[in-house]
């Protein structure tokens, strides 16, 4: 009975590994393109004490919109009143914009952040899939063009036959 109640760390680790792989595959191509080739970036942590409702979290998101070209990703933890920003370049302007919201935003720390190996390998697969999808899209457009042209040609032949019969 005691053995049944114990956690199985081997199975838990396998499940965690499969969840990590699934999460890395869900990363969008646009986010992957923003990560530098060497996999390095920075993460800045903010404490925003007066961010206590979803409305205030939305105000923070709106304040970040002008800086969308500088920011790779952001994560808001409303319960802890924290904001994490992933970026490459210094973000002093972002800090100033957050402080102008009068929610008490305070930069806690900025530290280096490195891309996990699973993300780096999925980045290559995403790039290959992107080119393959572009090729398939072009072929689909060519097929649509020739299908429409053939349909028009059949209509034209039918119209000529109808004129000859009259």
N, C-alpha and C. Protein backbone atom coordinates (compact mmCIF):
# COMPACT_ATOMS: atom_id res chain seq x y z
N UNK A 1 0.82 -1.19 0.00
CA UNK A 1 0.00 0.00 0.00
C UNK A 1 0.86 1.25 0.00
N UNK A 2 1.93 1.24 0.77
CA UNK A 2 2.80 2.40 0.84
C UNK A 2 3.47 2.66 -0.50
N UNK A 3 3.77 1.60 -1.25
CA UNK A 3 4.39 1.76 -2.55
C UNK A 3 3.44 2.41 -3.54
N UNK A 4 2.17 2.14 -3.41
CA UNK A 4 1.18 2.72 -4.32
C UNK A 4 1.06 4.23 -4.12
N UNK A 5 1.30 4.71 -2.91
CA UNK A 5 1.14 6.12 -2.62
C UNK A 5 2.35 6.95 -3.01
N UNK A 6 3.49 6.31 -3.26
CA UNK A 6 4.68 7.05 -3.61
C UNK A 6 4.58 7.58 -5.02
N UNK A 7 5.17 8.73 -5.23
CA UNK A 7 5.26 9.28 -6.57
C UNK A 7 6.28 8.48 -7.35
N UNK A 8 6.06 8.37 -8.64
CA UNK A 8 7.01 7.66 -9.48
C UNK A 8 7.86 8.69 -10.20
N UNK A 9 9.07 8.99 -9.70
CA UNK A 9 9.88 10.06 -10.30
C UNK A 9 10.29 9.77 -11.73
N UNK A 10 10.42 8.49 -12.09
CA UNK A 10 10.83 8.16 -13.46
C UNK A 10 9.70 8.51 -14.43
N UNK A 11 8.49 8.10 -14.11
CA UNK A 11 7.35 8.40 -14.99
C UNK A 11 7.09 9.90 -15.01
N UNK A 12 7.18 10.56 -13.84
CA UNK A 12 6.98 12.00 -13.79
C UNK A 12 7.99 12.73 -14.68
N UNK A 13 9.25 12.28 -14.66
CA UNK A 13 10.28 12.92 -15.49
C UNK A 13 9.99 12.70 -16.97
N UNK A 14 9.55 11.49 -17.34
CA UNK A 14 9.20 11.22 -18.74
C UNK A 14 8.05 12.11 -19.19
N UNK A 15 7.05 12.25 -18.34
CA UNK A 15 5.91 13.11 -18.68
C UNK A 15 6.35 14.56 -18.81
N UNK A 16 7.24 15.01 -17.92
CA UNK A 16 7.73 16.39 -17.98
C UNK A 16 8.52 16.62 -19.26
N UNK A 17 9.34 15.62 -19.67
CA UNK A 17 10.11 15.75 -20.91
C UNK A 17 9.18 15.82 -22.12
N UNK A 18 8.13 15.00 -22.15
CA UNK A 18 7.21 15.05 -23.29
C UNK A 18 6.45 16.37 -23.31
N UNK A 19 6.10 16.91 -22.13
CA UNK A 19 5.42 18.22 -22.08
C UNK A 19 6.34 19.32 -22.58
N UNK A 20 7.64 19.25 -22.23
CA UNK A 20 8.60 20.25 -22.69
C UNK A 20 8.73 20.21 -24.20
N UNK A 21 8.78 19.01 -24.77
CA UNK A 21 8.87 18.90 -26.24
C UNK A 21 7.62 19.47 -26.91
N UNK A 22 6.46 19.17 -26.34
CA UNK A 22 5.21 19.68 -26.90
C UNK A 22 5.17 21.20 -26.84
N UNK A 23 5.64 21.79 -25.72
CA UNK A 23 5.66 23.24 -25.59
C UNK A 23 6.61 23.87 -26.60
N UNK A 24 7.76 23.25 -26.81
CA UNK A 24 8.74 23.83 -27.73
C UNK A 24 8.23 23.77 -29.16
N UNK A 25 7.39 22.79 -29.48
CA UNK A 25 6.84 22.72 -30.83
C UNK A 25 5.75 23.75 -31.05
N UNK A 26 5.13 24.22 -29.95
CA UNK A 26 4.06 25.21 -30.09
C UNK A 26 4.57 26.63 -30.24
N UNK A 27 5.85 26.84 -30.08
CA UNK A 27 6.40 28.18 -30.21
C UNK A 27 6.21 28.65 -31.64
N UNK A 28 5.72 29.84 -31.82
CA UNK A 28 5.44 30.33 -33.17
C UNK A 28 6.71 30.67 -33.92
N UNK A 29 6.61 30.62 -35.24
CA UNK A 29 7.77 30.91 -36.08
C UNK A 29 8.21 32.36 -35.90
N UNK A 30 7.27 33.27 -35.73
CA UNK A 30 7.65 34.68 -35.61
C UNK A 30 8.48 34.92 -34.35
N UNK A 31 8.15 34.24 -33.26
CA UNK A 31 8.93 34.39 -32.05
C UNK A 31 10.31 33.78 -32.22
N UNK A 32 10.40 32.65 -32.91
CA UNK A 32 11.69 32.01 -33.12
C UNK A 32 12.61 32.86 -33.97
N UNK A 33 12.05 33.58 -34.93
CA UNK A 33 12.88 34.41 -35.80
C UNK A 33 13.49 35.58 -35.02
N UNK A 34 12.87 35.99 -33.93
CA UNK A 34 13.37 37.11 -33.14
C UNK A 34 14.55 36.73 -32.26
N UNK A 35 14.70 35.45 -31.95
CA UNK A 35 15.78 35.01 -31.08
C UNK A 35 17.07 35.02 -31.88
N UNK A 36 18.14 35.60 -31.35
CA UNK A 36 19.40 35.67 -32.09
C UNK A 36 19.99 34.28 -32.34
N UNK A 37 20.88 34.21 -33.34
CA UNK A 37 21.45 32.93 -33.76
C UNK A 37 22.22 32.24 -32.64
N UNK A 38 22.86 33.01 -31.77
CA UNK A 38 23.62 32.38 -30.70
C UNK A 38 22.73 31.96 -29.53
N UNK A 39 21.43 32.23 -29.62
CA UNK A 39 20.49 31.77 -28.61
C UNK A 39 20.44 32.64 -27.36
N UNK A 40 21.19 33.73 -27.33
CA UNK A 40 21.22 34.54 -26.11
C UNK A 40 20.24 35.71 -26.22
N UNK A 41 19.68 36.05 -25.08
CA UNK A 41 18.82 37.22 -24.96
C UNK A 41 18.80 37.60 -23.49
N UNK A 42 18.03 38.61 -23.15
CA UNK A 42 17.94 39.06 -21.77
C UNK A 42 16.50 38.92 -21.30
N UNK A 43 16.35 38.76 -20.02
CA UNK A 43 15.03 38.78 -19.42
C UNK A 43 15.06 39.80 -18.28
N UNK A 44 14.07 40.69 -18.29
CA UNK A 44 13.95 41.72 -17.26
C UNK A 44 12.70 41.44 -16.44
N UNK A 45 12.84 41.49 -15.14
CA UNK A 45 11.73 41.22 -14.24
C UNK A 45 11.30 42.52 -13.57
N UNK A 46 10.00 42.78 -13.62
CA UNK A 46 9.42 43.97 -13.00
C UNK A 46 8.44 43.55 -11.91
N UNK A 47 8.41 44.32 -10.86
CA UNK A 47 7.38 44.18 -9.83
C UNK A 47 6.47 45.38 -9.98
N UNK A 48 5.16 45.11 -10.14
CA UNK A 48 4.18 46.17 -10.34
C UNK A 48 3.12 46.02 -9.24
N UNK A 49 3.33 46.67 -8.09
CA UNK A 49 2.48 46.42 -6.93
C UNK A 49 1.01 46.79 -7.10
N UNK A 50 0.70 47.77 -7.93
CA UNK A 50 -0.70 48.20 -8.07
C UNK A 50 -1.40 47.54 -9.25
N UNK A 51 -0.78 46.52 -9.85
CA UNK A 51 -1.41 45.77 -10.94
C UNK A 51 -2.19 44.61 -10.31
N UNK A 52 -3.44 44.87 -9.96
CA UNK A 52 -4.22 43.87 -9.22
C UNK A 52 -5.44 43.36 -9.97
N UNK A 53 -5.71 43.90 -11.15
CA UNK A 53 -6.88 43.45 -11.90
C UNK A 53 -6.52 43.23 -13.36
N UNK A 54 -7.34 42.48 -14.07
CA UNK A 54 -7.09 42.26 -15.50
C UNK A 54 -7.08 43.57 -16.31
N UNK A 55 -7.82 44.57 -15.86
CA UNK A 55 -7.85 45.86 -16.55
C UNK A 55 -6.48 46.52 -16.47
N UNK A 56 -5.86 46.46 -15.30
CA UNK A 56 -4.53 47.04 -15.15
C UNK A 56 -3.48 46.25 -15.93
N UNK A 57 -3.65 44.92 -15.99
CA UNK A 57 -2.74 44.09 -16.80
C UNK A 57 -2.88 44.47 -18.27
N UNK A 58 -4.10 44.77 -18.69
CA UNK A 58 -4.32 45.20 -20.08
C UNK A 58 -3.65 46.55 -20.33
N UNK A 59 -3.67 47.45 -19.35
CA UNK A 59 -2.98 48.73 -19.49
C UNK A 59 -1.48 48.51 -19.69
N UNK A 60 -0.92 47.54 -18.96
CA UNK A 60 0.50 47.22 -19.09
C UNK A 60 0.78 46.70 -20.50
N UNK A 61 -0.08 45.80 -21.00
CA UNK A 61 0.10 45.27 -22.36
C UNK A 61 0.04 46.39 -23.40
N UNK A 62 -0.90 47.32 -23.22
CA UNK A 62 -1.01 48.43 -24.17
C UNK A 62 0.23 49.33 -24.12
N UNK A 63 0.81 49.48 -22.93
CA UNK A 63 2.03 50.29 -22.81
C UNK A 63 3.20 49.62 -23.51
N UNK A 64 3.16 48.30 -23.64
CA UNK A 64 4.25 47.56 -24.30
C UNK A 64 4.12 47.55 -25.82
N UNK A 65 2.95 47.86 -26.36
CA UNK A 65 2.72 47.82 -27.81
C UNK A 65 3.72 48.63 -28.63
N UNK A 66 4.04 49.86 -28.25
CA UNK A 66 5.00 50.63 -29.06
C UNK A 66 6.39 49.99 -29.12
N UNK A 67 6.66 49.07 -28.22
CA UNK A 67 7.99 48.45 -28.15
C UNK A 67 7.97 47.02 -28.66
N UNK A 68 6.98 46.66 -29.45
CA UNK A 68 6.85 45.29 -29.93
C UNK A 68 8.03 44.85 -30.79
N UNK A 69 8.70 45.80 -31.46
CA UNK A 69 9.86 45.43 -32.27
C UNK A 69 11.09 45.13 -31.41
N UNK A 70 11.13 45.63 -30.19
CA UNK A 70 12.26 45.40 -29.29
C UNK A 70 12.05 44.17 -28.40
N UNK A 71 10.80 43.84 -28.12
CA UNK A 71 10.49 42.76 -27.18
C UNK A 71 10.23 41.47 -27.94
N UNK A 72 10.79 40.39 -27.43
CA UNK A 72 10.57 39.09 -28.04
C UNK A 72 9.29 38.47 -27.47
N UNK A 73 9.14 38.59 -26.16
CA UNK A 73 7.97 38.01 -25.50
C UNK A 73 7.78 38.69 -24.16
N UNK A 74 6.56 38.62 -23.63
CA UNK A 74 6.32 39.11 -22.28
C UNK A 74 5.42 38.12 -21.55
N UNK A 75 5.52 38.13 -20.25
CA UNK A 75 4.71 37.23 -19.43
C UNK A 75 4.27 37.99 -18.19
N UNK A 76 2.95 38.05 -18.00
CA UNK A 76 2.40 38.76 -16.85
C UNK A 76 1.85 37.74 -15.86
N UNK A 77 2.30 37.83 -14.62
CA UNK A 77 1.76 37.02 -13.52
C UNK A 77 0.96 37.97 -12.64
N UNK A 78 -0.35 37.97 -12.85
CA UNK A 78 -1.21 38.94 -12.17
C UNK A 78 -1.25 38.70 -10.66
N UNK A 79 -1.28 37.44 -10.24
CA UNK A 79 -1.34 37.15 -8.81
C UNK A 79 -0.09 37.64 -8.08
N UNK A 80 1.09 37.41 -8.68
CA UNK A 80 2.34 37.85 -8.05
C UNK A 80 2.67 39.30 -8.39
N UNK A 81 1.90 39.87 -9.34
CA UNK A 81 2.11 41.26 -9.79
C UNK A 81 3.50 41.45 -10.38
N UNK A 82 3.89 40.46 -11.19
CA UNK A 82 5.19 40.48 -11.85
C UNK A 82 5.03 40.52 -13.36
N UNK A 83 6.02 41.09 -14.00
CA UNK A 83 6.09 41.14 -15.46
C UNK A 83 7.49 40.70 -15.86
N UNK A 84 7.57 39.78 -16.81
CA UNK A 84 8.87 39.35 -17.35
C UNK A 84 8.91 39.73 -18.82
N UNK A 85 9.96 40.42 -19.22
CA UNK A 85 10.14 40.84 -20.61
C UNK A 85 11.40 40.18 -21.18
N UNK A 86 11.25 39.53 -22.33
CA UNK A 86 12.38 38.91 -23.01
C UNK A 86 12.79 39.83 -24.15
N UNK A 87 14.07 40.18 -24.21
CA UNK A 87 14.53 41.17 -25.18
C UNK A 87 16.01 40.97 -25.45
N UNK A 88 16.51 41.69 -26.48
CA UNK A 88 17.94 41.67 -26.81
C UNK A 88 18.62 42.97 -26.42
N UNK A 89 18.02 44.06 -26.75
CA UNK A 89 18.61 45.39 -26.55
C UNK A 89 18.19 45.97 -25.20
N UNK A 90 18.90 47.00 -24.72
CA UNK A 90 18.48 47.67 -23.48
C UNK A 90 17.06 48.24 -23.63
N UNK A 91 16.33 48.25 -22.54
CA UNK A 91 14.92 48.65 -22.60
C UNK A 91 14.60 49.75 -21.59
N UNK A 92 15.44 50.75 -21.54
CA UNK A 92 15.21 51.87 -20.61
C UNK A 92 13.90 52.59 -20.93
N UNK A 93 13.58 52.70 -22.25
CA UNK A 93 12.33 53.39 -22.64
C UNK A 93 11.11 52.61 -22.18
N UNK A 94 11.21 51.28 -22.21
CA UNK A 94 10.10 50.45 -21.75
C UNK A 94 9.88 50.66 -20.26
N UNK A 95 10.96 50.70 -19.51
CA UNK A 95 10.85 50.94 -18.07
C UNK A 95 10.19 52.29 -17.79
N UNK A 96 10.58 53.30 -18.54
CA UNK A 96 9.98 54.63 -18.36
C UNK A 96 8.49 54.60 -18.70
N UNK A 97 8.13 53.89 -19.77
CA UNK A 97 6.71 53.81 -20.16
C UNK A 97 5.89 53.07 -19.10
N UNK A 98 6.46 52.03 -18.50
CA UNK A 98 5.75 51.31 -17.44
C UNK A 98 5.60 52.18 -16.19
N UNK A 99 6.60 52.97 -15.89
CA UNK A 99 6.53 53.84 -14.71
C UNK A 99 5.51 54.96 -14.90
N UNK A 100 5.30 55.39 -16.15
CA UNK A 100 4.30 56.43 -16.43
C UNK A 100 2.88 55.95 -16.19
N UNK A 101 2.66 54.63 -16.06
CA UNK A 101 1.31 54.11 -15.82
C UNK A 101 0.84 54.36 -14.38
N UNK A 102 1.76 54.80 -13.51
CA UNK A 102 1.46 55.06 -12.09
C UNK A 102 0.92 53.82 -11.38
N UNK A 103 1.48 52.66 -11.72
CA UNK A 103 1.13 51.42 -11.04
C UNK A 103 2.27 50.97 -10.14
N UNK A 104 3.30 51.81 -10.00
CA UNK A 104 4.43 51.49 -9.15
C UNK A 104 5.41 50.53 -9.76
N UNK A 105 5.48 50.47 -11.08
CA UNK A 105 6.38 49.53 -11.76
C UNK A 105 7.83 49.78 -11.37
N UNK A 106 8.51 48.70 -11.02
CA UNK A 106 9.89 48.79 -10.58
C UNK A 106 10.69 47.65 -11.20
N UNK A 107 11.76 48.00 -11.89
CA UNK A 107 12.64 46.99 -12.48
C UNK A 107 13.39 46.28 -11.37
N UNK A 108 13.20 44.97 -11.24
CA UNK A 108 13.87 44.20 -10.20
C UNK A 108 15.27 43.79 -10.64
N UNK A 109 15.36 43.18 -11.84
CA UNK A 109 16.66 42.78 -12.36
C UNK A 109 16.55 42.43 -13.83
N UNK A 110 17.69 42.54 -14.51
CA UNK A 110 17.83 42.09 -15.89
C UNK A 110 18.98 41.11 -15.91
N UNK A 111 18.73 39.96 -16.51
CA UNK A 111 19.78 38.94 -16.53
C UNK A 111 19.81 38.24 -17.89
N UNK A 112 20.94 37.63 -18.23
CA UNK A 112 21.02 36.91 -19.50
C UNK A 112 20.10 35.70 -19.48
N UNK A 113 19.59 35.38 -20.62
CA UNK A 113 18.69 34.24 -20.77
C UNK A 113 19.11 33.51 -22.05
N UNK A 114 19.27 32.23 -21.97
CA UNK A 114 19.72 31.47 -23.12
C UNK A 114 18.63 30.52 -23.57
N UNK A 115 18.55 30.35 -24.89
CA UNK A 115 17.55 29.51 -25.51
C UNK A 115 17.83 28.05 -25.20
N UNK A 116 16.84 27.28 -24.75
CA UNK A 116 17.05 25.86 -24.50
C UNK A 116 17.39 25.11 -25.79
N UNK A 117 18.07 24.00 -25.65
CA UNK A 117 18.49 23.22 -26.81
C UNK A 117 17.30 22.76 -27.65
N UNK A 118 16.18 22.39 -27.01
CA UNK A 118 15.00 21.94 -27.75
C UNK A 118 14.48 23.05 -28.65
N UNK A 119 14.53 24.28 -28.17
CA UNK A 119 14.06 25.42 -28.94
C UNK A 119 14.97 25.69 -30.12
N UNK A 120 16.27 25.53 -29.94
CA UNK A 120 17.23 25.76 -31.02
C UNK A 120 17.02 24.74 -32.14
N UNK A 121 16.77 23.50 -31.78
CA UNK A 121 16.57 22.48 -32.82
C UNK A 121 15.22 22.66 -33.49
N UNK A 122 14.19 23.06 -32.72
CA UNK A 122 12.89 23.27 -33.36
C UNK A 122 12.92 24.49 -34.27
N UNK A 123 13.82 25.44 -33.99
CA UNK A 123 13.97 26.63 -34.83
C UNK A 123 14.38 26.23 -36.25
N UNK A 124 15.30 25.27 -36.35
CA UNK A 124 15.74 24.81 -37.67
C UNK A 124 14.59 24.11 -38.39
N UNK A 125 13.85 23.28 -37.65
CA UNK A 125 12.72 22.58 -38.27
C UNK A 125 11.65 23.56 -38.72
N UNK A 126 11.40 24.59 -37.92
CA UNK A 126 10.39 25.59 -38.29
C UNK A 126 10.81 26.31 -39.57
N UNK A 127 12.09 26.65 -39.69
CA UNK A 127 12.58 27.32 -40.90
C UNK A 127 12.41 26.42 -42.11
N UNK A 128 12.74 25.13 -41.98
CA UNK A 128 12.58 24.21 -43.10
C UNK A 128 11.11 24.06 -43.46
N UNK A 129 10.25 23.93 -42.45
CA UNK A 129 8.82 23.81 -42.70
C UNK A 129 8.27 25.06 -43.36
N UNK A 130 8.79 26.22 -42.99
CA UNK A 130 8.33 27.49 -43.57
C UNK A 130 8.59 27.51 -45.07
N UNK A 131 9.81 27.11 -45.48
CA UNK A 131 10.14 27.09 -46.91
C UNK A 131 9.32 26.04 -47.63
N UNK A 132 9.09 24.90 -47.00
CA UNK A 132 8.28 23.85 -47.62
C UNK A 132 6.84 24.34 -47.80
N UNK A 133 6.30 25.04 -46.80
CA UNK A 133 4.95 25.57 -46.90
C UNK A 133 4.85 26.63 -47.99
N UNK A 134 5.89 27.46 -48.14
CA UNK A 134 5.89 28.46 -49.20
C UNK A 134 5.87 27.79 -50.57
N UNK A 135 6.68 26.72 -50.74
CA UNK A 135 6.69 25.99 -52.01
C UNK A 135 5.32 25.37 -52.29
N UNK A 136 4.72 24.77 -51.26
CA UNK A 136 3.39 24.18 -51.43
C UNK A 136 2.36 25.25 -51.77
N UNK A 137 2.49 26.42 -51.19
CA UNK A 137 1.55 27.51 -51.46
C UNK A 137 1.68 27.96 -52.92
N UNK A 138 2.91 28.09 -53.40
CA UNK A 138 3.14 28.50 -54.79
C UNK A 138 2.56 27.46 -55.73
N UNK A 139 2.81 26.18 -55.45
CA UNK A 139 2.26 25.12 -56.30
C UNK A 139 0.74 25.12 -56.29
N UNK A 140 0.16 25.40 -55.12
CA UNK A 140 -1.29 25.47 -55.02
C UNK A 140 -1.84 26.63 -55.86
N UNK A 141 -1.17 27.78 -55.83
CA UNK A 141 -1.60 28.92 -56.64
C UNK A 141 -1.50 28.61 -58.13
N UNK A 142 -0.43 27.94 -58.54
CA UNK A 142 -0.27 27.57 -59.95
C UNK A 142 -1.38 26.61 -60.36
N UNK A 143 -1.69 25.64 -59.49
CA UNK A 143 -2.75 24.69 -59.78
C UNK A 143 -4.10 25.40 -59.91
N UNK A 144 -4.37 26.34 -59.02
CA UNK A 144 -5.62 27.10 -59.10
C UNK A 144 -5.71 27.90 -60.39
N UNK A 145 -4.58 28.48 -60.82
CA UNK A 145 -4.57 29.26 -62.05
C UNK A 145 -4.90 28.38 -63.24
N UNK A 146 -4.22 27.23 -63.35
CA UNK A 146 -4.46 26.36 -64.50
C UNK A 146 -5.86 25.74 -64.46
N UNK A 147 -6.40 25.46 -63.29
CA UNK A 147 -7.76 24.95 -63.19
C UNK A 147 -8.76 26.00 -63.68
N UNK A 148 -8.57 27.25 -63.27
CA UNK A 148 -9.46 28.33 -63.72
C UNK A 148 -9.31 28.55 -65.22
N UNK A 149 -8.07 28.50 -65.74
CA UNK A 149 -7.85 28.70 -67.18
C UNK A 149 -8.50 27.58 -67.97
N UNK A 150 -8.40 26.36 -67.50
CA UNK A 150 -9.02 25.22 -68.20
C UNK A 150 -10.54 25.35 -68.18
N UNK A 151 -11.11 25.80 -67.09
CA UNK A 151 -12.56 26.00 -67.01
C UNK A 151 -13.00 27.07 -68.00
N UNK A 152 -12.26 28.17 -68.10
CA UNK A 152 -12.59 29.23 -69.06
C UNK A 152 -12.47 28.72 -70.50
N UNK A 153 -11.43 27.92 -70.74
CA UNK A 153 -11.23 27.37 -72.09
C UNK A 153 -12.40 26.46 -72.46
N UNK A 154 -12.89 25.65 -71.53
CA UNK A 154 -14.06 24.78 -71.78
C UNK A 154 -15.29 25.62 -72.08
N UNK A 155 -15.47 26.71 -71.33
CA UNK A 155 -16.61 27.60 -71.59
C UNK A 155 -16.51 28.21 -72.97
N UNK A 156 -15.31 28.60 -73.37
CA UNK A 156 -15.11 29.22 -74.68
C UNK A 156 -15.41 28.21 -75.78
N UNK A 157 -14.95 26.98 -75.65
CA UNK A 157 -15.21 25.93 -76.64
C UNK A 157 -16.70 25.65 -76.72
N UNK A 158 -17.36 25.60 -75.59
CA UNK A 158 -18.80 25.35 -75.55
C UNK A 158 -19.56 26.48 -76.25
N UNK A 159 -19.11 27.73 -76.00
CA UNK A 159 -19.76 28.88 -76.64
C UNK A 159 -19.56 28.83 -78.15
N UNK A 160 -18.38 28.44 -78.63
CA UNK A 160 -18.13 28.31 -80.07
C UNK A 160 -19.00 27.23 -80.69
N UNK A 161 -19.17 26.11 -80.02
CA UNK A 161 -20.03 25.03 -80.53
C UNK A 161 -21.49 25.50 -80.63
N UNK A 162 -21.93 26.25 -79.61
CA UNK A 162 -23.29 26.75 -79.64
C UNK A 162 -23.50 27.72 -80.80
N UNK A 163 -22.52 28.52 -81.14
CA UNK A 163 -22.63 29.45 -82.26
C UNK A 163 -22.65 28.69 -83.59
N UNK A 164 -21.88 27.61 -83.69
CA UNK A 164 -21.86 26.83 -84.93
C UNK A 164 -23.19 26.10 -85.14
N UNK A 165 -23.82 25.66 -84.05
CA UNK A 165 -25.10 24.97 -84.16
C UNK A 165 -26.21 25.91 -84.60
N UNK A 166 -26.08 27.18 -84.34
CA UNK A 166 -27.14 28.12 -84.68
C UNK A 166 -26.91 28.58 -86.07
